[in-house]
All heavy atoms as atom14 arrays in JSON, in Angstrom:
{
  "sequence": "AAQTAVASAQENFRLAQGRFDAGVGTILELTDAQLALTQAQNTE",
  "atom14_mask": [
    [1, 1, 1, 1, 1, 0, 0, 0, 0, 0, 0, 0, 0, 0],
    [1, 1, 1, 1, 1, 0, 0, 0, 0, 0, 0, 0, 0, 0],
    [1, 1, 1, 1, 1, 1, 1, 1, 1, 0, 0, 0, 0, 0],
    [1, 1, 1, 1, 1, 1, 1, 0, 0, 0, 0, 0, 0, 0],
    [1, 1, 1, 1, 1, 0, 0, 0, 0, 0, 0, 0, 0, 0],
    [1, 1, 1, 1, 1, 1, 1, 0, 0, 0, 0, 0, 0, 0],
    [1, 1, 1, 1, 1, 0, 0, 0, 0, 0, 0, 0, 0, 0],
    [1, 1, 1, 1, 1, 1, 0, 0, 0, 0, 0, 0, 0, 0],
    [1, 1, 1, 1, 1, 0, 0, 0, 0, 0, 0, 0, 0, 0],
    [1, 1, 1, 1, 1, 1, 1, 1, 1, 0, 0, 0, 0, 0],
    [1, 1, 1, 1, 1, 1, 1, 1, 1, 0, 0, 0, 0, 0],
    [1, 1, 1, 1, 1, 1, 1, 1, 0, 0, 0, 0, 0, 0],
    [1, 1, 1, 1, 1, 1, 1, 1, 1, 1, 1, 0, 0, 0],
    [1, 1, 1, 1, 1, 1, 1, 1, 1, 1, 1, 0, 0, 0],
    [1, 1, 1, 1, 1, 1, 1, 1, 0, 0, 0, 0, 0, 0],
    [1, 1, 1, 1, 1, 0, 0, 0, 0, 0, 0, 0, 0, 0],
    [1, 1, 1, 1, 1, 1, 1, 1, 1, 0, 0, 0, 0, 0],
    [1, 1, 1, 1, 0, 0, 0, 0, 0, 0, 0, 0, 0, 0],
    [1, 1, 1, 1, 1, 1, 1, 1, 1, 1, 1, 0, 0, 0],
    [1, 1, 1, 1, 1, 1, 1, 1, 1, 1, 1, 0, 0, 0],
    [1, 1, 1, 1, 1, 1, 1, 1, 0, 0, 0, 0, 0, 0],
    [1, 1, 1, 1, 1, 0, 0, 0, 0, 0, 0, 0, 0, 0],
    [1, 1, 1, 1, 0, 0, 0, 0, 0, 0, 0, 0, 0, 0],
    [1, 1, 1, 1, 1, 1, 1, 0, 0, 0, 0, 0, 0, 0],
    [1, 1, 1, 1, 0, 0, 0, 0, 0, 0, 0, 0, 0, 0],
    [1, 1, 1, 1, 1, 1, 1, 0, 0, 0, 0, 0, 0, 0],
    [1, 1, 1, 1, 1, 1, 1, 1, 0, 0, 0, 0, 0, 0],
    [1, 1, 1, 1, 1, 1, 1, 1, 0, 0, 0, 0, 0, 0],
    [1, 1, 1, 1, 1, 1, 1, 1, 1, 0, 0, 0, 0, 0],
    [1, 1, 1, 1, 1, 1, 1, 1, 0, 0, 0, 0, 0, 0],
    [1, 1, 1, 1, 1, 1, 1, 0, 0, 0, 0, 0, 0, 0],
    [1, 1, 1, 1, 1, 1, 1, 1, 0, 0, 0, 0, 0, 0],
    [1, 1, 1, 1, 1, 0, 0, 0, 0, 0, 0, 0, 0, 0],
    [1, 1, 1, 1, 1, 1, 1, 1, 1, 0, 0, 0, 0, 0],
    [1, 1, 1, 1, 1, 1, 1, 1, 0, 0, 0, 0, 0, 0],
    [1, 1, 1, 1, 1, 0, 0, 0, 0, 0, 0, 0, 0, 0],
    [1, 1, 1, 1, 1, 1, 1, 1, 0, 0, 0, 0, 0, 0],
    [1, 1, 1, 1, 1, 1, 1, 0, 0, 0, 0, 0, 0, 0],
    [1, 1, 1, 1, 1, 1, 1, 1, 1, 0, 0, 0, 0, 0],
    [1, 1, 1, 1, 1, 0, 0, 0, 0, 0, 0, 0, 0, 0],
    [1, 1, 1, 1, 1, 1, 1, 1, 1, 0, 0, 0, 0, 0],
    [1, 1, 1, 1, 1, 1, 1, 1, 0, 0, 0, 0, 0, 0],
    [1, 1, 1, 1, 1, 1, 1, 0, 0, 0, 0, 0, 0, 0],
    [1, 1, 1, 1, 1, 1, 1, 1, 1, 0, 0, 0, 0, 0]
  ],
  "atom14_positions": [
    [[113.75, 100.62, 98.82], [112.37, 100.94, 99.2], [111.44, 99.79, 98.79], [110.5, 99.44, 99.55], [111.93, 102.23, 98.48], [0.0, 0.0, 0.0], [0.0, 0.0, 0.0], [0.0, 0.0, 0.0], [0.0, 0.0, 0.0], [0.0, 0.0, 0.0], [0.0, 0.0, 0.0], [0.0, 0.0, 0.0], [0.0, 0.0, 0.0], [0.0, 0.0, 0.0]],
    [[111.7, 99.18, 97.64], [110.84, 98.08, 97.18], [110.97, 96.86, 98.1], [109.97, 96.15, 98.36], [111.2, 97.71, 95.75], [0.0, 0.0, 0.0], [0.0, 0.0, 0.0], [0.0, 0.0, 0.0], [0.0, 0.0, 0.0], [0.0, 0.0, 0.0], [0.0, 0.0, 0.0], [0.0, 0.0, 0.0], [0.0, 0.0, 0.0], [0.0, 0.0, 0.0]],
    [[112.16, 96.58, 98.56], [112.35, 95.44, 99.47], [111.56, 95.63, 100.78], [110.97, 94.69, 101.28], [113.84, 95.24, 99.72], [114.59, 94.7, 98.53], [116.1, 94.64, 98.76], [116.64, 95.28, 99.68], [116.78, 93.88, 97.91], [0.0, 0.0, 0.0], [0.0, 0.0, 0.0], [0.0, 0.0, 0.0], [0.0, 0.0, 0.0], [0.0, 0.0, 0.0]],
    [[111.58, 96.86, 101.26], [110.77, 97.16, 102.45], [109.29, 96.99, 102.17], [108.51, 96.43, 102.98], [111.05, 98.58, 102.95], [112.45, 98.71, 103.23], [110.27, 98.9, 104.18], [0.0, 0.0, 0.0], [0.0, 0.0, 0.0], [0.0, 0.0, 0.0], [0.0, 0.0, 0.0], [0.0, 0.0, 0.0], [0.0, 0.0, 0.0], [0.0, 0.0, 0.0]],
    [[108.88, 97.45, 100.97], [107.45, 97.34, 100.61], [107.03, 95.88, 100.43], [105.91, 95.49, 100.81], [107.21, 98.07, 99.29], [0.0, 0.0, 0.0], [0.0, 0.0, 0.0], [0.0, 0.0, 0.0], [0.0, 0.0, 0.0], [0.0, 0.0, 0.0], [0.0, 0.0, 0.0], [0.0, 0.0, 0.0], [0.0, 0.0, 0.0], [0.0, 0.0, 0.0]],
    [[107.92, 95.03, 99.91], [107.61, 93.61, 99.75], [107.4, 92.95, 101.12], [106.43, 92.2, 101.33], [108.7, 92.89, 98.94], [108.54, 91.37, 99.05], [108.7, 93.32, 97.51], [0.0, 0.0, 0.0], [0.0, 0.0, 0.0], [0.0, 0.0, 0.0], [0.0, 0.0, 0.0], [0.0, 0.0, 0.0], [0.0, 0.0, 0.0], [0.0, 0.0, 0.0]],
    [[108.28, 93.28, 102.07], [108.15, 92.69, 103.41], [106.81, 93.12, 104.06], [106.09, 92.29, 104.65], [109.32, 93.13, 104.28], [0.0, 0.0, 0.0], [0.0, 0.0, 0.0], [0.0, 0.0, 0.0], [0.0, 0.0, 0.0], [0.0, 0.0, 0.0], [0.0, 0.0, 0.0], [0.0, 0.0, 0.0], [0.0, 0.0, 0.0], [0.0, 0.0, 0.0]],
    [[106.46, 94.39, 103.92], [105.18, 94.86, 104.48], [103.99, 94.22, 103.77], [103.01, 93.84, 104.43], [105.11, 96.38, 104.37], [106.18, 97.0, 105.09], [0.0, 0.0, 0.0], [0.0, 0.0, 0.0], [0.0, 0.0, 0.0], [0.0, 0.0, 0.0], [0.0, 0.0, 0.0], [0.0, 0.0, 0.0], [0.0, 0.0, 0.0], [0.0, 0.0, 0.0]],
    [[104.08, 94.1, 102.44], [102.97, 93.54, 101.68], [102.77, 92.06, 102.02], [101.66, 91.56, 102.06], [103.21, 93.72, 100.19], [0.0, 0.0, 0.0], [0.0, 0.0, 0.0], [0.0, 0.0, 0.0], [0.0, 0.0, 0.0], [0.0, 0.0, 0.0], [0.0, 0.0, 0.0], [0.0, 0.0, 0.0], [0.0, 0.0, 0.0], [0.0, 0.0, 0.0]],
    [[103.89, 91.33, 102.21], [103.77, 89.91, 102.58], [103.07, 89.76, 103.95], [102.21, 88.89, 104.11], [105.17, 89.29, 102.64], [105.78, 89.05, 101.25], [107.19, 88.55, 101.31], [107.89, 88.8, 102.32], [107.65, 87.87, 100.29], [0.0, 0.0, 0.0], [0.0, 0.0, 0.0], [0.0, 0.0, 0.0], [0.0, 0.0, 0.0], [0.0, 0.0, 0.0]],
    [[103.44, 90.62, 104.89], [102.8, 90.55, 106.21], [101.31, 90.95, 106.11], [100.44, 90.3, 106.73], [103.52, 91.48, 107.18], [102.93, 91.56, 108.57], [102.97, 90.22, 109.31], [103.73, 89.31, 108.88], [102.25, 90.07, 110.3], [0.0, 0.0, 0.0], [0.0, 0.0, 0.0], [0.0, 0.0, 0.0], [0.0, 0.0, 0.0], [0.0, 0.0, 0.0]],
    [[101.03, 91.97, 105.31], [99.62, 92.4, 105.15], [98.79, 91.29, 104.49], [97.65, 91.04, 104.89], [99.6, 93.68, 104.32], [98.17, 94.21, 104.16], [97.46, 94.36, 105.14], [97.78, 94.5, 102.92], [0.0, 0.0, 0.0], [0.0, 0.0, 0.0], [0.0, 0.0, 0.0], [0.0, 0.0, 0.0], [0.0, 0.0, 0.0], [0.0, 0.0, 0.0]],
    [[99.37, 90.61, 103.52], [98.63, 89.53, 102.85], [98.42, 88.38, 103.8], [97.34, 87.74, 103.84], [99.38, 89.05, 101.6], [98.74, 87.87, 100.94], [97.58, 88.0, 100.21], [99.29, 86.6, 101.1], [96.98, 86.91, 99.61], [98.71, 85.49, 100.5], [97.54, 85.65, 99.76], [0.0, 0.0, 0.0], [0.0, 0.0, 0.0], [0.0, 0.0, 0.0]],
    [[99.43, 88.08, 104.63], [99.28, 86.98, 105.6], [98.13, 87.27, 106.57], [97.32, 86.41, 106.86], [100.59, 86.79, 106.36], [100.6, 85.59, 107.29], [101.85, 85.54, 108.12], [101.93, 86.69, 109.02], [101.31, 86.72, 110.19], [100.52, 85.72, 110.58], [101.44, 87.76, 110.98], [0.0, 0.0, 0.0], [0.0, 0.0, 0.0], [0.0, 0.0, 0.0]],
    [[98.07, 88.5, 107.04], [96.98, 88.86, 107.97], [95.62, 88.83, 107.27], [94.63, 88.35, 107.85], [97.25, 90.27, 108.54], [98.5, 90.4, 109.43], [98.72, 91.86, 109.81], [98.38, 89.53, 110.69], [0.0, 0.0, 0.0], [0.0, 0.0, 0.0], [0.0, 0.0, 0.0], [0.0, 0.0, 0.0], [0.0, 0.0, 0.0], [0.0, 0.0, 0.0]],
    [[95.56, 89.37, 106.04], [94.28, 89.38, 105.32], [93.84, 87.95, 105.01], [92.62, 87.65, 105.07], [94.42, 90.19, 104.03], [0.0, 0.0, 0.0], [0.0, 0.0, 0.0], [0.0, 0.0, 0.0], [0.0, 0.0, 0.0], [0.0, 0.0, 0.0], [0.0, 0.0, 0.0], [0.0, 0.0, 0.0], [0.0, 0.0, 0.0], [0.0, 0.0, 0.0]],
    [[94.78, 87.07, 104.7], [94.44, 85.68, 104.41], [93.87, 85.01, 105.67], [92.88, 84.27, 105.62], [95.71, 84.95, 103.95], [95.46, 83.47, 103.58], [94.76, 83.34, 102.23], [95.31, 83.75, 101.22], [93.55, 82.79, 102.22], [0.0, 0.0, 0.0], [0.0, 0.0, 0.0], [0.0, 0.0, 0.0], [0.0, 0.0, 0.0], [0.0, 0.0, 0.0]],
    [[94.51, 85.3, 106.82], [94.03, 84.72, 108.05], [92.64, 85.2, 108.42], [91.76, 84.42, 108.87], [0.0, 0.0, 0.0], [0.0, 0.0, 0.0], [0.0, 0.0, 0.0], [0.0, 0.0, 0.0], [0.0, 0.0, 0.0], [0.0, 0.0, 0.0], [0.0, 0.0, 0.0], [0.0, 0.0, 0.0], [0.0, 0.0, 0.0], [0.0, 0.0, 0.0]],
    [[92.41, 86.5, 108.22], [91.09, 87.05, 108.51], [90.0, 86.49, 107.62], [88.9, 86.15, 108.04], [91.12, 88.57, 108.38], [91.89, 89.3, 109.51], [92.08, 90.77, 109.2], [90.79, 91.44, 108.94], [90.0, 91.86, 109.89], [90.29, 91.68, 111.17], [88.85, 92.45, 109.57], [0.0, 0.0, 0.0], [0.0, 0.0, 0.0], [0.0, 0.0, 0.0]],
    [[90.37, 86.28, 106.32], [89.39, 85.75, 105.38], [89.07, 84.3, 105.73], [87.9, 83.88, 105.72], [89.91, 85.88, 103.95], [88.95, 85.38, 102.91], [87.86, 86.13, 102.52], [89.14, 84.14, 102.33], [86.97, 85.67, 101.57], [88.26, 83.68, 101.38], [87.16, 84.43, 101.0], [0.0, 0.0, 0.0], [0.0, 0.0, 0.0], [0.0, 0.0, 0.0]],
    [[90.13, 83.51, 106.03], [89.9, 82.12, 106.35], [89.1, 81.97, 107.66], [88.34, 80.99, 107.81], [91.24, 81.4, 106.5], [91.99, 81.28, 105.16], [91.3, 81.42, 104.1], [93.18, 81.04, 105.15], [0.0, 0.0, 0.0], [0.0, 0.0, 0.0], [0.0, 0.0, 0.0], [0.0, 0.0, 0.0], [0.0, 0.0, 0.0], [0.0, 0.0, 0.0]],
    [[89.28, 82.96, 108.56], [88.51, 82.93, 109.83], [87.1, 83.42, 109.68], [86.3, 83.34, 110.61], [89.24, 83.71, 110.9], [0.0, 0.0, 0.0], [0.0, 0.0, 0.0], [0.0, 0.0, 0.0], [0.0, 0.0, 0.0], [0.0, 0.0, 0.0], [0.0, 0.0, 0.0], [0.0, 0.0, 0.0], [0.0, 0.0, 0.0], [0.0, 0.0, 0.0]],
    [[86.77, 83.97, 108.49], [85.43, 84.43, 108.24], [85.15, 85.83, 108.72], [83.99, 86.27, 108.7], [0.0, 0.0, 0.0], [0.0, 0.0, 0.0], [0.0, 0.0, 0.0], [0.0, 0.0, 0.0], [0.0, 0.0, 0.0], [0.0, 0.0, 0.0], [0.0, 0.0, 0.0], [0.0, 0.0, 0.0], [0.0, 0.0, 0.0], [0.0, 0.0, 0.0]],
    [[86.19, 86.57, 109.12], [85.96, 87.94, 109.61], [86.44, 88.98, 108.59], [86.19, 90.18, 108.76], [86.68, 88.18, 110.96], [86.04, 87.28, 112.02], [88.17, 87.9, 110.85], [0.0, 0.0, 0.0], [0.0, 0.0, 0.0], [0.0, 0.0, 0.0], [0.0, 0.0, 0.0], [0.0, 0.0, 0.0], [0.0, 0.0, 0.0], [0.0, 0.0, 0.0]],
    [[87.18, 88.55, 107.56], [87.67, 89.46, 106.54], [86.85, 89.33, 105.27], [86.19, 88.31, 105.04], [0.0, 0.0, 0.0], [0.0, 0.0, 0.0], [0.0, 0.0, 0.0], [0.0, 0.0, 0.0], [0.0, 0.0, 0.0], [0.0, 0.0, 0.0], [0.0, 0.0, 0.0], [0.0, 0.0, 0.0], [0.0, 0.0, 0.0], [0.0, 0.0, 0.0]],
    [[86.92, 90.34, 104.44], [86.17, 90.33, 103.17], [87.06, 89.91, 102.02], [88.3, 89.99, 102.1], [85.57, 91.7, 102.89], [86.66, 92.63, 102.66], [84.72, 92.19, 104.05], [0.0, 0.0, 0.0], [0.0, 0.0, 0.0], [0.0, 0.0, 0.0], [0.0, 0.0, 0.0], [0.0, 0.0, 0.0], [0.0, 0.0, 0.0], [0.0, 0.0, 0.0]],
    [[86.43, 89.47, 100.93], [87.19, 89.12, 99.73], [87.89, 90.34, 99.14], [88.98, 90.23, 98.56], [86.25, 88.44, 98.7], [87.06, 87.89, 97.52], [85.2, 89.45, 98.21], [87.97, 86.76, 97.87], [0.0, 0.0, 0.0], [0.0, 0.0, 0.0], [0.0, 0.0, 0.0], [0.0, 0.0, 0.0], [0.0, 0.0, 0.0], [0.0, 0.0, 0.0]],
    [[87.25, 91.51, 99.29], [87.86, 92.71, 98.79], [89.16, 93.05, 99.53], [90.18, 93.38, 98.91], [86.87, 93.89, 98.92], [87.37, 95.24, 98.41], [87.67, 95.17, 96.92], [86.33, 96.33, 98.69], [0.0, 0.0, 0.0], [0.0, 0.0, 0.0], [0.0, 0.0, 0.0], [0.0, 0.0, 0.0], [0.0, 0.0, 0.0], [0.0, 0.0, 0.0]],
    [[89.12, 92.89, 100.83], [90.36, 93.08, 101.64], [91.45, 92.12, 101.2], [92.61, 92.48, 101.06], [90.01, 92.91, 103.12], [91.2, 93.07, 104.04], [90.86, 92.74, 105.49], [89.66, 92.48, 105.79], [91.8, 92.78, 106.34], [0.0, 0.0, 0.0], [0.0, 0.0, 0.0], [0.0, 0.0, 0.0], [0.0, 0.0, 0.0], [0.0, 0.0, 0.0]],
    [[91.05, 90.85, 100.97], [92.04, 89.83, 100.62], [92.62, 90.11, 99.22], [93.87, 90.02, 99.02], [91.39, 88.43, 100.65], [92.3, 87.27, 100.24], [93.51, 87.19, 101.17], [91.49, 85.98, 100.25], [0.0, 0.0, 0.0], [0.0, 0.0, 0.0], [0.0, 0.0, 0.0], [0.0, 0.0, 0.0], [0.0, 0.0, 0.0], [0.0, 0.0, 0.0]],
    [[91.78, 90.41, 98.25], [92.29, 90.65, 96.91], [93.13, 91.91, 96.84], [94.11, 91.98, 96.07], [91.13, 90.75, 95.92], [90.21, 91.75, 96.36], [90.42, 89.42, 95.78], [0.0, 0.0, 0.0], [0.0, 0.0, 0.0], [0.0, 0.0, 0.0], [0.0, 0.0, 0.0], [0.0, 0.0, 0.0], [0.0, 0.0, 0.0], [0.0, 0.0, 0.0]],
    [[92.79, 92.92, 97.64], [93.6, 94.13, 97.67], [95.0, 93.8, 98.21], [96.02, 94.3, 97.72], [92.94, 95.2, 98.53], [91.77, 95.85, 97.83], [91.65, 95.66, 96.61], [90.99, 96.53, 98.51], [0.0, 0.0, 0.0], [0.0, 0.0, 0.0], [0.0, 0.0, 0.0], [0.0, 0.0, 0.0], [0.0, 0.0, 0.0], [0.0, 0.0, 0.0]],
    [[95.04, 92.97, 99.26], [96.34, 92.58, 99.82], [97.14, 91.74, 98.83], [98.36, 91.86, 98.69], [96.12, 91.8, 101.11], [0.0, 0.0, 0.0], [0.0, 0.0, 0.0], [0.0, 0.0, 0.0], [0.0, 0.0, 0.0], [0.0, 0.0, 0.0], [0.0, 0.0, 0.0], [0.0, 0.0, 0.0], [0.0, 0.0, 0.0], [0.0, 0.0, 0.0]],
    [[96.42, 90.85, 98.12], [97.06, 90.04, 97.12], [97.66, 90.91, 95.98], [98.79, 90.71, 95.57], [96.03, 89.04, 96.52], [96.31, 88.53, 95.14], [97.42, 87.47, 95.12], [97.79, 86.97, 96.17], [97.88, 87.15, 93.94], [0.0, 0.0, 0.0], [0.0, 0.0, 0.0], [0.0, 0.0, 0.0], [0.0, 0.0, 0.0], [0.0, 0.0, 0.0]],
    [[96.87, 91.87, 95.52], [97.34, 92.76, 94.45], [98.51, 93.61, 94.93], [99.49, 93.8, 94.19], [96.19, 93.66, 94.02], [96.51, 94.69, 92.92], [96.98, 93.99, 91.63], [95.29, 95.58, 92.66], [0.0, 0.0, 0.0], [0.0, 0.0, 0.0], [0.0, 0.0, 0.0], [0.0, 0.0, 0.0], [0.0, 0.0, 0.0], [0.0, 0.0, 0.0]],
    [[98.46, 94.1, 96.17], [99.53, 94.91, 96.71], [100.84, 94.12, 96.8], [101.93, 94.62, 96.48], [99.17, 95.49, 98.07], [0.0, 0.0, 0.0], [0.0, 0.0, 0.0], [0.0, 0.0, 0.0], [0.0, 0.0, 0.0], [0.0, 0.0, 0.0], [0.0, 0.0, 0.0], [0.0, 0.0, 0.0], [0.0, 0.0, 0.0], [0.0, 0.0, 0.0]],
    [[100.74, 92.81, 97.18], [101.94, 91.99, 97.25], [102.51, 91.77, 95.86], [103.76, 91.87, 95.7], [101.58, 90.66, 97.93], [102.72, 89.62, 97.96], [103.93, 90.18, 98.68], [102.23, 88.35, 98.65], [0.0, 0.0, 0.0], [0.0, 0.0, 0.0], [0.0, 0.0, 0.0], [0.0, 0.0, 0.0], [0.0, 0.0, 0.0], [0.0, 0.0, 0.0]],
    [[101.69, 91.45, 94.9], [102.18, 91.21, 93.55], [102.83, 92.48, 92.98], [103.91, 92.41, 92.36], [101.04, 90.76, 92.65], [100.44, 89.56, 93.18], [101.52, 90.46, 91.25], [0.0, 0.0, 0.0], [0.0, 0.0, 0.0], [0.0, 0.0, 0.0], [0.0, 0.0, 0.0], [0.0, 0.0, 0.0], [0.0, 0.0, 0.0], [0.0, 0.0, 0.0]],
    [[102.17, 93.61, 93.2], [102.74, 94.84, 92.69], [104.07, 95.18, 93.36], [104.99, 95.67, 92.7], [101.73, 95.99, 92.9], [100.53, 95.91, 92.0], [99.51, 97.01, 92.28], [99.51, 97.6, 93.36], [98.63, 97.28, 91.33], [0.0, 0.0, 0.0], [0.0, 0.0, 0.0], [0.0, 0.0, 0.0], [0.0, 0.0, 0.0], [0.0, 0.0, 0.0]],
    [[104.16, 94.93, 94.67], [105.42, 95.21, 95.37], [106.54, 94.3, 94.84], [107.7, 94.74, 94.67], [105.22, 94.99, 96.87], [0.0, 0.0, 0.0], [0.0, 0.0, 0.0], [0.0, 0.0, 0.0], [0.0, 0.0, 0.0], [0.0, 0.0, 0.0], [0.0, 0.0, 0.0], [0.0, 0.0, 0.0], [0.0, 0.0, 0.0], [0.0, 0.0, 0.0]],
    [[106.23, 93.04, 94.58], [107.25, 92.11, 94.05], [107.65, 92.5, 92.63], [108.82, 92.46, 92.28], [106.72, 90.68, 94.07], [106.57, 90.12, 95.48], [105.89, 88.77, 95.5], [105.08, 88.44, 94.62], [106.22, 87.96, 96.49], [0.0, 0.0, 0.0], [0.0, 0.0, 0.0], [0.0, 0.0, 0.0], [0.0, 0.0, 0.0], [0.0, 0.0, 0.0]],
    [[106.67, 92.94, 91.83], [106.99, 93.39, 90.49], [107.86, 94.67, 90.52], [108.77, 94.81, 89.71], [105.7, 93.69, 89.7], [104.98, 92.44, 89.27], [105.54, 91.33, 89.28], [103.7, 92.56, 88.94], [0.0, 0.0, 0.0], [0.0, 0.0, 0.0], [0.0, 0.0, 0.0], [0.0, 0.0, 0.0], [0.0, 0.0, 0.0], [0.0, 0.0, 0.0]],
    [[107.51, 95.56, 91.46], [108.3, 96.77, 91.6], [109.75, 96.47, 91.99], [110.7, 97.07, 91.47], [107.67, 97.7, 92.63], [106.32, 98.04, 92.23], [108.47, 98.97, 92.8], [0.0, 0.0, 0.0], [0.0, 0.0, 0.0], [0.0, 0.0, 0.0], [0.0, 0.0, 0.0], [0.0, 0.0, 0.0], [0.0, 0.0, 0.0], [0.0, 0.0, 0.0]],
    [[109.92, 95.52, 92.91], [111.26, 95.13, 93.3], [112.05, 94.53, 92.12], [113.21, 94.85, 91.88], [111.23, 94.12, 94.46], [112.61, 93.67, 94.91], [112.53, 92.51, 95.89], [111.48, 91.81, 95.93], [113.55, 92.28, 96.6], [0.0, 0.0, 0.0], [0.0, 0.0, 0.0], [0.0, 0.0, 0.0], [0.0, 0.0, 0.0], [0.0, 0.0, 0.0]]
  ]
}
């Protein structure tokens, strides 16, 4: 389950990073994605 969560979190962070760099995403969205990825990797 954790490996699946890591793959999803990596994709979610990639999208949030792209949105933030393009100026259409918020810092809150990016940091939430960043935290979710770190937590998923820690859980794995």
